C-alpha atoms as a PDB file:
ATOM      1  CA  MET A   1     -15.941 235.573  50.620  1.00  0.00           C
ATOM      2  CA  THR A   2     -18.592 232.942  51.430  1.00  0.00           C
ATOM      3  CA  ARG A   3     -17.995 231.271  48.054  1.00  0.00           C
ATOM      4  CA  CYS A   4     -14.282 231.015  48.800  1.00  0.00           C
ATOM      5  CA  LEU A   5     -14.841 229.530  52.262  1.00  0.00           C
ATOM      6  CA  ALA A   6     -17.372 226.903  51.233  1.00  0.00           C
ATOM      7  CA  PRO A   7     -14.909 224.661  49.312  1.00  0.00           C
ATOM      8  CA  ARG A   8     -12.386 224.873  52.132  1.00  0.00           C
ATOM      9  CA  LEU A   9     -14.975 223.872  54.724  1.00  0.00           C
ATOM     10  CA  ARG A  10     -16.031 220.954  52.573  1.00  0.00           C
ATOM     11  CA  ASN A  11     -12.391 219.858  52.311  1.00  0.00           C
ATOM     12  CA  LEU A  12     -11.960 220.110  56.057  1.00  0.00           C
ATOM     13  CA  ALA A  13     -15.184 218.129  56.612  1.00  0.00           C
ATOM     14  CA  GLY A  14     -13.799 215.462  54.339  1.00  0.00           C
ATOM     15  CA  TYR A  15     -10.856 214.920  56.691  1.00  0.00           C
ATOM     16  CA  LEU A  16     -13.017 214.808  59.806  1.00  0.00           C
ATOM     17  CA  PRO A  17     -14.079 211.102  59.740  1.00  0.00           C
ATOM     18  CA  GLY A  18     -10.479 209.985  59.279  1.00  0.00           C
ATOM     19  CA  THR A  19      -9.291 212.252  62.060  1.00  0.00           C
ATOM     20  CA  LEU A  20     -11.948 210.879  64.383  1.00  0.00           C
ATOM     21  CA  LEU A  21     -10.912 207.310  63.501  1.00  0.00           C
ATOM     22  CA  LEU A  22      -7.304 208.138  64.347  1.00  0.00           C
ATOM     23  CA  LEU A  23      -8.335 209.660  67.702  1.00  0.00           C
ATOM     24  CA  SER A  24     -10.473 206.559  68.439  1.00  0.00           C
ATOM     25  CA  PHE A  25      -7.473 204.382  67.715  1.00  0.00           C
ATOM     26  CA  LEU A  26      -5.277 206.397  70.078  1.00  0.00           C
ATOM     27  CA  GLY A  27      -7.902 206.226  72.828  1.00  0.00           C
ATOM     28  CA  THR A  28      -8.415 202.442  72.559  1.00  0.00           C
ATOM     29  CA  ALA A  29      -6.063 200.131  70.637  1.00  0.00           C
ATOM     30  CA  ALA A  30      -3.078 202.451  71.057  1.00  0.00           C
ATOM     31  CA  SER A  31      -3.767 203.115  74.744  1.00  0.00           C
ATOM     32  CA  PRO A  32      -0.449 201.456  75.800  1.00  0.00           C
ATOM     33  CA  LEU A  33       1.201 204.646  74.537  1.00  0.00           C
ATOM     34  CA  GLY A  34      -0.343 206.223  77.643  1.00  0.00           C
ATOM     35  CA  LEU A  35       2.421 204.650  79.701  1.00  0.00           C
ATOM     36  CA  ARG A  36       4.594 207.549  78.570  1.00  0.00           C
ATOM     37  CA  SER A  37       2.064 210.325  77.969  1.00  0.00           C
ATOM     38  CA  SER A  38      -0.438 211.645  80.483  1.00  0.00           C
ATOM     39  CA  HIS A  39      -2.452 213.134  77.584  1.00  0.00           C
ATOM     40  CA  LEU A  40      -2.819 209.805  75.822  1.00  0.00           C
ATOM     41  CA  GLU A  41      -3.585 208.064  79.088  1.00  0.00           C
ATOM     42  CA  ARG A  42      -6.413 210.523  79.772  1.00  0.00           C
ATOM     43  CA  MET A  43      -7.829 209.665  76.335  1.00  0.00           C
ATOM     44  CA  SER A  44      -7.956 205.963  77.349  1.00  0.00           C
ATOM     45  CA  HIS A  45     -10.302 206.661  80.273  1.00  0.00           C
ATOM     46  CA  PHE A  46     -13.228 207.456  77.944  1.00  0.00           C
ATOM     47  CA  ARG A  47     -13.562 203.942  76.483  1.00  0.00           C
ATOM     48  CA  PHE A  48     -17.339 204.027  76.313  1.00  0.00           C
ATOM     49  CA  GLY A  49     -17.310 207.296  74.351  1.00  0.00           C
ATOM     50  CA  TRP A  50     -14.784 205.891  71.896  1.00  0.00           C
ATOM     51  CA  ILE A  51     -16.952 202.781  71.384  1.00  0.00           C
ATOM     52  CA  VAL A  52     -19.987 204.918  70.546  1.00  0.00           C
ATOM     53  CA  LEU A  53     -17.884 207.004  68.131  1.00  0.00           C
ATOM     54  CA  LEU A  54     -16.473 203.863  66.483  1.00  0.00           C
ATOM     55  CA  LEU A  55     -20.009 202.536  65.946  1.00  0.00           C
ATOM     56  CA  LEU A  56     -20.949 205.760  64.221  1.00  0.00           C
ATOM     57  CA  LEU A  57     -17.792 205.734  62.096  1.00  0.00           C
ATOM     58  CA  LEU A  58     -18.393 202.093  61.109  1.00  0.00           C
ATOM     59  CA  ALA A  59     -21.930 203.015  59.976  1.00  0.00           C
ATOM     60  CA  PHE A  60     -20.630 206.104  58.166  1.00  0.00           C
ATOM     61  CA  PHE A  61     -17.839 204.355  56.258  1.00  0.00           C
ATOM     62  CA  SER A  62     -20.047 201.313  55.448  1.00  0.00           C
ATOM     63  CA  LYS A  63     -22.792 203.480  54.052  1.00  0.00           C
ATOM     64  CA  ARG A  64     -20.326 205.255  51.771  1.00  0.00           C
ATOM     65  CA  ARG A  65     -18.680 201.962  50.823  1.00  0.00           C
ATOM     66  CA  ARG A  66     -15.278 203.073  52.067  1.00  0.00           C
ATOM     67  CA  ARG A  67     -14.064 199.566  52.681  1.00  0.00           C
ATOM     68  CA  LEU A  68     -10.680 200.068  54.347  1.00  0.00           C
ATOM     69  CA  PRO A  69     -11.802 202.663  56.891  1.00  0.00           C
ATOM     70  CA  ALA A  70     -14.876 200.559  57.633  1.00  0.00           C
ATOM     71  CA  ILE A  71     -12.731 197.462  58.271  1.00  0.00           C
ATOM     72  CA  ALA A  72     -10.340 199.500  60.443  1.00  0.00           C
ATOM     73  CA  SER A  73     -13.278 200.885  62.429  1.00  0.00           C
ATOM     74  CA  GLY A  74     -14.703 197.398  62.922  1.00  0.00           C
ATOM     75  CA  ILE A  75     -11.423 195.889  64.076  1.00  0.00           C
ATOM     76  CA  VAL A  76     -10.709 198.676  66.580  1.00  0.00           C
ATOM     77  CA  LEU A  77     -14.325 198.521  67.781  1.00  0.00           C
ATOM     78  CA  ALA A  78     -14.207 194.741  68.294  1.00  0.00           C
ATOM     79  CA  GLY A  79     -10.941 194.940  70.206  1.00  0.00           C
ATOM     80  CA  SER A  80     -12.283 197.746  72.411  1.00  0.00           C
ATOM     81  CA  VAL A  81     -15.403 195.774  73.287  1.00  0.00           C
ATOM     82  CA  LEU A  82     -13.667 192.434  73.849  1.00  0.00           C
ATOM     83  CA  THR A  83     -11.181 193.865  76.359  1.00  0.00           C
ATOM     84  CA  ILE A  84     -13.974 195.036  78.685  1.00  0.00           C
ATOM     85  CA  LEU A  85     -16.429 192.136  78.245  1.00  0.00           C
ATOM     86  CA  PRO A  86     -15.089 190.312  81.370  1.00  0.00           C
ATOM     87  CA  TYR A  87     -16.664 193.038  83.469  1.00  0.00           C
ATOM     88  CA  TRP A  88     -20.102 191.831  82.396  1.00  0.00           C
ATOM     89  CA  ILE A  89     -19.523 188.069  82.476  1.00  0.00           C
ATOM     90  CA  PRO A  90     -20.935 186.956  85.867  1.00  0.00           C
ATOM     91  CA  PRO A  91     -18.580 184.949  88.083  1.00  0.00           C
ATOM     92  CA  PRO A  92     -19.540 181.313  88.797  1.00  0.00           C
ATOM     93  CA  LYS A  93     -21.992 180.923  91.657  1.00  0.00           C
ATOM     94  CA  PRO A  94     -20.561 179.246  94.765  1.00  0.00           C
ATOM     95  CA  VAL A  95     -21.813 175.744  95.474  1.00  0.00           C
ATOM     96  CA  ARG A  96     -22.648 176.844  98.984  1.00  0.00           C
ATOM     97  CA  GLU A  97     -23.448 180.058 100.750  1.00  0.00           C
ATOM     98  CA  ASP A  98     -20.294 181.622 102.192  1.00  0.00           C
ATOM     99  CA  THR A  99     -19.577 184.688 104.194  1.00  0.00           C
ATOM    100  CA  GLY A 100     -16.332 186.575 104.170  1.00  0.00           C
ATOM    101  CA  PRO A 101     -14.691 189.892 104.934  1.00  0.00           C
ATOM    102  CA  LYS A 102     -16.376 192.989 103.605  1.00  0.00           C
ATOM    103  CA  PHE A 103     -14.306 195.924 102.362  1.00  0.00           C
ATOM    104  CA  ILE A 104     -15.403 199.502 101.621  1.00  0.00           C
ATOM    105  CA  ALA A 105     -13.412 202.180  99.803  1.00  0.00           C
ATOM    106  CA  TRP A 106     -14.817 205.675  99.791  1.00  0.00           C
ATOM    107  CA  ASN A 107     -13.409 209.088  98.994  1.00  0.00           C
ATOM    108  CA  LEU A 108     -15.395 211.220 101.453  1.00  0.00           C
ATOM    109  CA  LEU A 109     -14.501 214.566  99.836  1.00  0.00           C
ATOM    110  CA  TRP A 110     -12.899 216.792 102.418  1.00  0.00           C
ATOM    111  CA  GLU A 111     -15.317 219.685 101.766  1.00  0.00           C
ATOM    112  CA  ASN A 112     -18.419 217.436 101.624  1.00  0.00           C
ATOM    113  CA  PRO A 113     -21.555 219.506 102.467  1.00  0.00           C
ATOM    114  CA  ARG A 114     -23.487 216.460 103.724  1.00  0.00           C
ATOM    115  CA  LYS A 115     -21.048 215.113 106.312  1.00  0.00           C
ATOM    116  CA  ASN A 116     -23.812 214.146 108.769  1.00  0.00           C
ATOM    117  CA  GLU A 117     -24.973 211.320 106.450  1.00  0.00           C
ATOM    118  CA  ALA A 118     -21.746 209.345 106.402  1.00  0.00           C
ATOM    119  CA  LEU A 119     -21.672 207.997 109.964  1.00  0.00           C
ATOM    120  CA  PRO A 120     -25.130 206.299 109.951  1.00  0.00           C
ATOM    121  CA  TRP A 121     -24.446 204.733 106.577  1.00  0.00           C
ATOM    122  CA  LEU A 122     -21.006 203.427 107.532  1.00  0.00           C
ATOM    123  CA  LEU A 123     -22.290 201.986 110.807  1.00  0.00           C
ATOM    124  CA  GLU A 124     -25.069 200.037 109.065  1.00  0.00           C
ATOM    125  CA  GLN A 125     -22.720 198.478 106.513  1.00  0.00           C
ATOM    126  CA  ASN A 126     -21.225 196.000 108.983  1.00  0.00           C
ATOM    127  CA  ALA A 127     -17.960 195.931 107.053  1.00  0.00           C
ATOM    128  CA  ASP A 128     -14.636 194.508 108.179  1.00  0.00           C
ATOM    129  CA  VAL A 129     -12.400 197.171 106.699  1.00  0.00           C
ATOM    130  CA  LEU A 130     -13.000 200.820 105.720  1.00  0.00           C
ATOM    131  CA  ALA A 131     -10.543 202.777 103.601  1.00  0.00           C
ATOM    132  CA  LEU A 132     -11.624 206.403 103.761  1.00  0.00           C
ATOM    133  CA  THR A 133      -9.736 208.970 101.693  1.00  0.00           C
ATOM    134  CA  GLU A 134      -9.845 212.769 101.925  1.00  0.00           C
ATOM    135  CA  CYS A 135     -10.597 211.981 105.582  1.00  0.00           C
ATOM    136  CA  THR A 136      -9.514 215.168 107.384  1.00  0.00           C
ATOM    137  CA  ARG A 137      -9.278 215.950 111.088  1.00  0.00           C
ATOM    138  CA  ASP A 138     -12.827 217.277 110.967  1.00  0.00           C
ATOM    139  CA  TRP A 139     -14.015 214.055 109.319  1.00  0.00           C
ATOM    140  CA  ARG A 140     -12.205 211.906 111.881  1.00  0.00           C
ATOM    141  CA  ALA A 141     -13.877 213.843 114.715  1.00  0.00           C
ATOM    142  CA  ARG A 142     -17.301 213.417 113.105  1.00  0.00           C
ATOM    143  CA  LEU A 143     -16.691 209.668 112.637  1.00  0.00           C
ATOM    144  CA  GLU A 144     -15.249 208.992 116.079  1.00  0.00           C
ATOM    145  CA  LYS A 145     -18.251 206.825 116.982  1.00  0.00           C
ATOM    146  CA  LEU A 146     -16.956 204.291 114.471  1.00  0.00           C
ATOM    147  CA  SER A 147     -14.381 203.311 117.109  1.00  0.00           C
ATOM    148  CA  ALA A 148     -17.047 201.192 118.831  1.00  0.00           C
ATOM    149  CA  VAL A 149     -17.141 198.926 115.750  1.00  0.00           C
ATOM    150  CA  TYR A 150     -13.652 199.538 114.357  1.00  0.00           C
ATOM    151  CA  PRO A 151     -11.203 199.682 117.281  1.00  0.00           C
ATOM    152  CA  HIS A 152      -8.148 199.238 115.054  1.00  0.00           C
ATOM    153  CA  ARG A 153      -7.365 202.353 113.064  1.00  0.00           C
ATOM    154  CA  ILE A 154      -4.475 203.908 111.166  1.00  0.00           C
ATOM    155  CA  THR A 155      -4.541 207.505 109.915  1.00  0.00           C
ATOM    156  CA  SER A 156      -2.232 209.458 107.667  1.00  0.00           C
ATOM    157  CA  GLY A 157      -2.640 212.371 110.076  1.00  0.00           C
ATOM    158  CA  ARG A 158      -3.070 214.767 107.108  1.00  0.00           C
ATOM    159  CA  ASP A 159      -5.796 217.105 105.992  1.00  0.00           C
ATOM    160  CA  GLY A 160      -7.362 217.789 102.582  1.00  0.00           C
ATOM    161  CA  ALA A 161      -6.726 215.285  99.811  1.00  0.00           C
ATOM    162  CA  GLU A 162      -3.843 213.761 101.822  1.00  0.00           C
ATOM    163  CA  GLY A 163      -6.172 212.651 104.632  1.00  0.00           C
ATOM    164  CA  MET A 164      -6.572 208.849 104.791  1.00  0.00           C
ATOM    165  CA  TRP A 165      -8.010 206.530 107.413  1.00  0.00           C
ATOM    166  CA  VAL A 166      -7.973 202.715 107.436  1.00  0.00           C
ATOM    167  CA  LEU A 167     -10.319 201.204 110.042  1.00  0.00           C
ATOM    168  CA  SER A 168     -10.655 197.510 110.865  1.00  0.00           C
ATOM    169  CA  ARG A 169     -12.623 195.203 113.127  1.00  0.00           C
ATOM    170  CA  HIS A 170      -9.539 193.036 113.415  1.00  0.00           C
ATOM    171  CA  PRO A 171      -6.062 193.868 114.782  1.00  0.00           C
ATOM    172  CA  LEU A 172      -3.705 195.799 112.508  1.00  0.00           C
ATOM    173  CA  ASP A 173       0.057 195.798 112.572  1.00  0.00           C
ATOM    174  CA  ALA A 174       2.019 199.057 112.644  1.00  0.00           C
ATOM    175  CA  PRO A 175       1.947 200.666 109.182  1.00  0.00           C
ATOM    176  CA  ASP A 176       4.920 201.019 106.901  1.00  0.00           C
ATOM    177  CA  PRO A 177       6.421 204.351 108.004  1.00  0.00           C
ATOM    178  CA  ALA A 178       7.527 205.170 104.461  1.00  0.00           C
ATOM    179  CA  GLY A 179       3.858 205.384 103.408  1.00  0.00           C
ATOM    180  CA  LEU A 180       2.922 207.890 106.069  1.00  0.00           C
ATOM    181  CA  ALA A 181       6.010 209.989 105.327  1.00  0.00           C
ATOM    182  CA  ALA A 182       5.332 210.186 101.536  1.00  0.00           C
ATOM    183  CA  ASN A 183       4.251 213.448  99.910  1.00  0.00           C
ATOM    184  CA  LYS A 184       1.023 211.659  98.989  1.00  0.00           C
ATOM    185  CA  PRO A 185       0.626 209.170 101.865  1.00  0.00           C
ATOM    186  CA  TRP A 186      -0.375 205.550 101.553  1.00  0.00           C
ATOM    187  CA  ILE A 187      -1.075 202.972 104.237  1.00  0.00           C
ATOM    188  CA  SER A 188       0.385 199.457 104.161  1.00  0.00           C
ATOM    189  CA  THR A 189      -0.402 197.210 107.119  1.00  0.00           C
ATOM    190  CA  VAL A 190      -1.318 193.605 107.975  1.00  0.00           C
ATOM    191  CA  MET A 191      -4.801 192.765 109.227  1.00  0.00           C
ATOM    192  CA  HIS A 192      -5.092 189.684 111.448  1.00  0.00           C
ATOM    193  CA  ALA A 193      -8.488 188.412 110.326  1.00  0.00           C
ATOM    194  CA  PRO A 194     -10.129 185.139 111.482  1.00  0.00           C
ATOM    195  CA  GLN A 195      -9.301 183.672 108.034  1.00  0.00           C
ATOM    196  CA  GLY A 196      -5.631 184.555 108.474  1.00  0.00           C
ATOM    197  CA  PRO A 197      -3.347 187.556 107.931  1.00  0.00           C
ATOM    198  CA  VAL A 198      -4.098 189.890 105.032  1.00  0.00           C
ATOM    199  CA  ARG A 199      -1.922 192.665 103.647  1.00  0.00           C
ATOM    200  CA  ILE A 200      -3.997 195.864 103.386  1.00  0.00           C
ATOM    201  CA  LEU A 201      -2.935 198.673 101.050  1.00  0.00           C
ATOM    202  CA  GLY A 202      -4.884 201.911 101.257  1.00  0.00           C
ATOM    203  CA  MET A 203      -4.061 204.382  98.498  1.00  0.00           C
ATOM    204  CA  HIS A 204      -5.077 207.749  97.026  1.00  0.00           C
ATOM    205  CA  PRO A 205      -2.334 208.702  94.574  1.00  0.00           C
ATOM    206  CA  ARG A 206      -2.032 212.040  92.773  1.00  0.00           C
ATOM    207  CA  THR A 207      -4.476 213.174  90.158  1.00  0.00           C
ATOM    208  CA  PRO A 208      -2.206 213.010  87.055  1.00  0.00           C
ATOM    209  CA  ARG A 209      -2.750 216.543  85.714  1.00  0.00           C
ATOM    210  CA  SER A 210       0.858 217.214  84.791  1.00  0.00           C
ATOM    211  CA  GLY A 211       4.136 215.418  84.154  1.00  0.00           C
ATOM    212  CA  HIS A 212       5.316 215.538  87.766  1.00  0.00           C
ATOM    213  CA  ARG A 213       1.947 214.425  89.190  1.00  0.00           C
ATOM    214  CA  PHE A 214       1.669 211.739  86.496  1.00  0.00           C
ATOM    215  CA  ASN A 215       5.068 210.305  87.407  1.00  0.00           C
ATOM    216  CA  GLU A 216       4.336 210.489  91.144  1.00  0.00           C
ATOM    217  CA  ARG A 217       1.040 208.621  90.764  1.00  0.00           C
ATOM    218  CA  ASN A 218       2.649 205.968  88.572  1.00  0.00           C
ATOM    219  CA  GLY A 219       5.474 205.604  91.089  1.00  0.00           C
ATOM    220  CA  GLN A 220       2.903 204.624  93.710  1.00  0.00           C
ATOM    221  CA  TYR A 221       1.542 201.960  91.360  1.00  0.00           C
ATOM    222  CA  VAL A 222       5.036 200.522  90.933  1.00  0.00           C
ATOM    223  CA  MET A 223       5.513 200.570  94.700  1.00  0.00           C
ATOM    224  CA  ALA A 224       2.158 198.859  95.348  1.00  0.00           C
ATOM    225  CA  ALA A 225       2.844 196.160  92.725  1.00  0.00           C
ATOM    226  CA  ALA A 226       6.225 195.443  94.340  1.00  0.00           C
ATOM    227  CA  ILE A 227       4.714 195.156  97.827  1.00  0.00           C
ATOM    228  CA  ALA A 228       1.991 192.797  96.550  1.00  0.00           C
ATOM    229  CA  ALA A 229       4.356 190.660  94.486  1.00  0.00           C
ATOM    230  CA  ALA A 230       6.642 190.163  97.498  1.00  0.00           C
ATOM    231  CA  SER A 231       3.800 189.360  99.907  1.00  0.00           C
ATOM    232  CA  ASP A 232       3.450 185.824 101.243  1.00  0.00           C
ATOM    233  CA  MET A 233      -0.142 186.481 102.255  1.00  0.00           C
ATOM    234  CA  PRO A 234      -3.334 187.601 100.480  1.00  0.00           C
ATOM    235  CA  VAL A 235      -3.425 191.297  99.560  1.00  0.00           C
ATOM    236  CA  VAL A 236      -6.291 193.779  99.243  1.00  0.00           C
ATOM    237  CA  LEU A 237      -5.547 197.164  97.669  1.00  0.00           C
ATOM    238  CA  LEU A 238      -8.367 199.681  97.916  1.00  0.00           C
ATOM    239  CA  GLY A 239      -8.981 203.384  97.473  1.00  0.00           C
ATOM    240  CA  ASP A 240      -9.367 206.184  94.996  1.00  0.00           C
ATOM    241  CA  LEU A 241      -6.659 205.280  92.471  1.00  0.00           C
ATOM    242  CA  ASN A 242      -7.362 208.158  90.059  1.00  0.00           C
ATOM    243  CA  CYS A 243      -7.292 205.726  87.163  1.00  0.00           C
ATOM    244  CA  THR A 244      -9.851 203.719  85.155  1.00  0.00           C
ATOM    245  CA  PRO A 245      -9.542 200.038  84.190  1.00  0.00           C
ATOM    246  CA  PHE A 246      -8.938 201.180  80.599  1.00  0.00           C
ATOM    247  CA  SER A 247      -5.584 202.798  81.506  1.00  0.00           C
ATOM    248  CA  PRO A 248      -2.384 200.993  80.602  1.00  0.00           C
ATOM    249  CA  TRP A 249      -1.029 201.975  84.008  1.00  0.00           C
ATOM    250  CA  LEU A 250      -3.808 200.142  85.865  1.00  0.00           C
ATOM    251  CA  SER A 251      -3.231 197.154  83.558  1.00  0.00           C
ATOM    252  CA  ARG A 252       0.442 197.217  84.521  1.00  0.00           C
ATOM    253  CA  LEU A 253      -0.433 197.425  88.239  1.00  0.00           C
ATOM    254  CA  LEU A 254      -2.712 194.390  87.885  1.00  0.00           C
ATOM    255  CA  ARG A 255      -0.093 192.441  85.960  1.00  0.00           C
ATOM    256  CA  ASP A 256       2.996 193.272  88.006  1.00  0.00           C
ATOM    257  CA  GLY A 257       1.240 193.002  91.354  1.00  0.00           C
ATOM    258  CA  GLY A 258      -0.644 189.794  90.443  1.00  0.00           C
ATOM    259  CA  PHE A 259      -3.902 191.581  91.250  1.00  0.00           C
ATOM    260  CA  LYS A 260      -7.434 190.816  90.129  1.00  0.00           C
ATOM    261  CA  ASP A 261     -10.003 193.570  89.773  1.00  0.00           C
ATOM    262  CA  THR A 262     -13.033 192.726  91.938  1.00  0.00           C
ATOM    263  CA  GLY A 263     -15.200 194.639  89.479  1.00  0.00           C
ATOM    264  CA  LYS A 264     -14.929 191.896  86.847  1.00  0.00           C
ATOM    265  CA  GLY A 265     -18.278 190.200  86.561  1.00  0.00           C
ATOM    266  CA  PHE A 266     -20.117 193.065  88.244  1.00  0.00           C
ATOM    267  CA  GLY A 267     -20.122 195.774  85.543  1.00  0.00           C
ATOM    268  CA  LEU A 268     -18.320 199.090  85.256  1.00  0.00           C
ATOM    269  CA  PRO A 269     -20.462 201.775  86.885  1.00  0.00           C
ATOM    270  CA  ALA A 270     -18.886 205.150  87.432  1.00  0.00           C
ATOM    271  CA  THR A 271     -17.487 205.749  90.929  1.00  0.00           C
ATOM    272  CA  TRP A 272     -16.661 209.446  90.374  1.00  0.00           C
ATOM    273  CA  ARG A 273     -18.973 212.057  88.884  1.00  0.00           C
ATOM    274  CA  GLN A 274     -18.400 215.731  88.214  1.00  0.00           C
ATOM    275  CA  HIS A 275     -19.297 218.239  85.513  1.00  0.00           C
ATOM    276  CA  GLY A 276     -21.494 215.645  83.785  1.00  0.00           C
ATOM    277  CA  ILE A 277     -18.630 213.139  83.502  1.00  0.00           C
ATOM    278  CA  GLY A 278     -18.539 209.780  85.237  1.00  0.00           C
ATOM    279  CA  LEU A 279     -15.544 207.459  85.489  1.00  0.00           C
ATOM    280  CA  PRO A 280     -14.755 204.231  87.430  1.00  0.00           C
ATOM    281  CA  ILE A 281     -11.592 205.376  89.259  1.00  0.00           C
ATOM    282  CA  ASP A 282     -12.149 203.865  92.731  1.00  0.00           C
ATOM    283  CA  HIS A 283     -11.084 200.261  93.097  1.00  0.00           C
ATOM    284  CA  ILE A 284     -10.773 197.223  95.306  1.00  0.00           C
ATOM    285  CA  LEU A 285      -8.054 194.931  93.905  1.00  0.00           C
ATOM    286  CA  ILE A 286      -7.147 191.529  95.303  1.00  0.00           C
ATOM    287  CA  ARG A 287      -4.182 189.181  95.136  1.00  0.00           C
ATOM    288  CA  GLY A 288      -4.165 185.630  96.410  1.00  0.00           C
ATOM    289  CA  PRO A 289      -6.753 182.897  97.038  1.00  0.00           C
ATOM    290  CA  TRP A 290      -9.889 185.046  97.061  1.00  0.00           C
ATOM    291  CA  ARG A 291     -13.353 184.644  95.556  1.00  0.00           C
ATOM    292  CA  VAL A 292     -15.510 187.713  95.036  1.00  0.00           C
ATOM    293  CA  LEU A 293     -18.935 187.038  96.491  1.00  0.00           C
ATOM    294  CA  ASP A 294     -20.312 190.489  95.755  1.00  0.00           C
ATOM    295  CA  ARG A 295     -19.092 193.837  94.490  1.00  0.00           C
ATOM    296  CA  LYS A 296     -21.125 196.954  94.098  1.00  0.00           C
ATOM    297  CA  VAL A 297     -21.035 200.728  93.804  1.00  0.00           C
ATOM    298  CA  HIS A 298     -23.398 202.446  96.208  1.00  0.00           C
ATOM    299  CA  PRO A 299     -25.820 204.632  94.232  1.00  0.00           C
ATOM    300  CA  ASP A 300     -25.737 207.544  96.685  1.00  0.00           C
ATOM    301  CA  ARG A 301     -22.591 209.692  96.965  1.00  0.00           C
ATOM    302  CA  MET A 302     -23.909 211.375 100.126  1.00  0.00           C
ATOM    303  CA  GLY A 303     -22.400 214.738  99.209  1.00  0.00           C
ATOM    304  CA  SER A 304     -19.090 213.448  97.882  1.00  0.00           C
ATOM    305  CA  ASP A 305     -18.041 213.405  94.249  1.00  0.00           C
ATOM    306  CA  HIS A 306     -17.250 209.670  94.704  1.00  0.00           C
ATOM    307  CA  HIS A 307     -19.534 206.710  95.277  1.00  0.00           C
ATOM    308  CA  PRO A 308     -18.542 204.142  97.943  1.00  0.00           C
ATOM    309  CA  VAL A 309     -17.227 200.861  96.483  1.00  0.00           C
ATOM    310  CA  ILE A 310     -18.093 197.655  98.385  1.00  0.00           C
ATOM    311  CA  ALA A 311     -16.633 194.144  97.952  1.00  0.00           C
ATOM    312  CA  VAL A 312     -17.386 190.961  99.890  1.00  0.00           C
ATOM    313  CA  LEU A 313     -14.687 188.274  99.624  1.00  0.00           C
ATOM    314  CA  ALA A 314     -14.197 184.672 100.674  1.00  0.00           C
ATOM    315  CA  PRO A 315     -11.247 182.305 100.643  1.00  0.00           C
ATOM    316  CA  ALA A 316     -11.023 180.592  97.275  1.00  0.00           C
ATOM    317  CA  GLY A 317     -11.140 177.127  98.744  1.00  0.00           C
ATOM    318  CA  GLY A 318     -14.455 177.687 100.506  1.00  0.00           C
ATOM    319  CA  GLY A 319     -16.868 175.905  98.140  1.00  0.00           C
END
């Protein structure tokens, strides 16, 4: 029996490198196919893992002088690396020191066991806008003291994962009622900042675990892109978008909405961690004449499964 199995196992092992190369291709170069398939889109989120695997495959095929697979591995590897290099190319330094509005996006986690740590941290940040997702009634009661700093507030009025709260130092217009009435609410409003009006979009779309949820999440991206593209003022979209920068759907949102990812130039640290997996799925996106002065992911999750994301902006013409 063992003698019969051994040749079959060797044959199967012979197919393994080619199969892994195909999977790496689907997770990287062929990621646009994820526009139609939630399974392929999920593969695209693990770009760093695919890059490591492609390095190993390139070494494997090169050592065995399998020229065509080695070339294919190298081409896919190069393309995968080049598309994310802008995240590590530092932005040009301003010719003068500027200050500008500070934005924070944080998924608090509705069942967070360390809720007492959030209020002191948020108060010391001295931000202009907070977009807090999974912000339930209990969370809003615990964070009520923020009203001394952020008198202008809009809530989704929901609990659990549908809870959302946008808080601002500066006056806010009434939100788009369609956003608050949605199955998965979003908040669209105008902030009247000293630098001028700014369209604020707070979002926490569905986790795309199935076809229906996948379509609903993507529908919110289409809606957000349309709002941004039609805006005659600068736009800031922030929140837990349940999507990495490697996804074709986030690429489409950036393209159709005219957005720029504030993370470019500041690296790609994970913003969500669970079960030993970390992914950058929380974002602050901008449209219009902005410069990104600073952008960081806070190292402490303070009981959540998400890290706070912080961006400091300035008008593009300021230096």
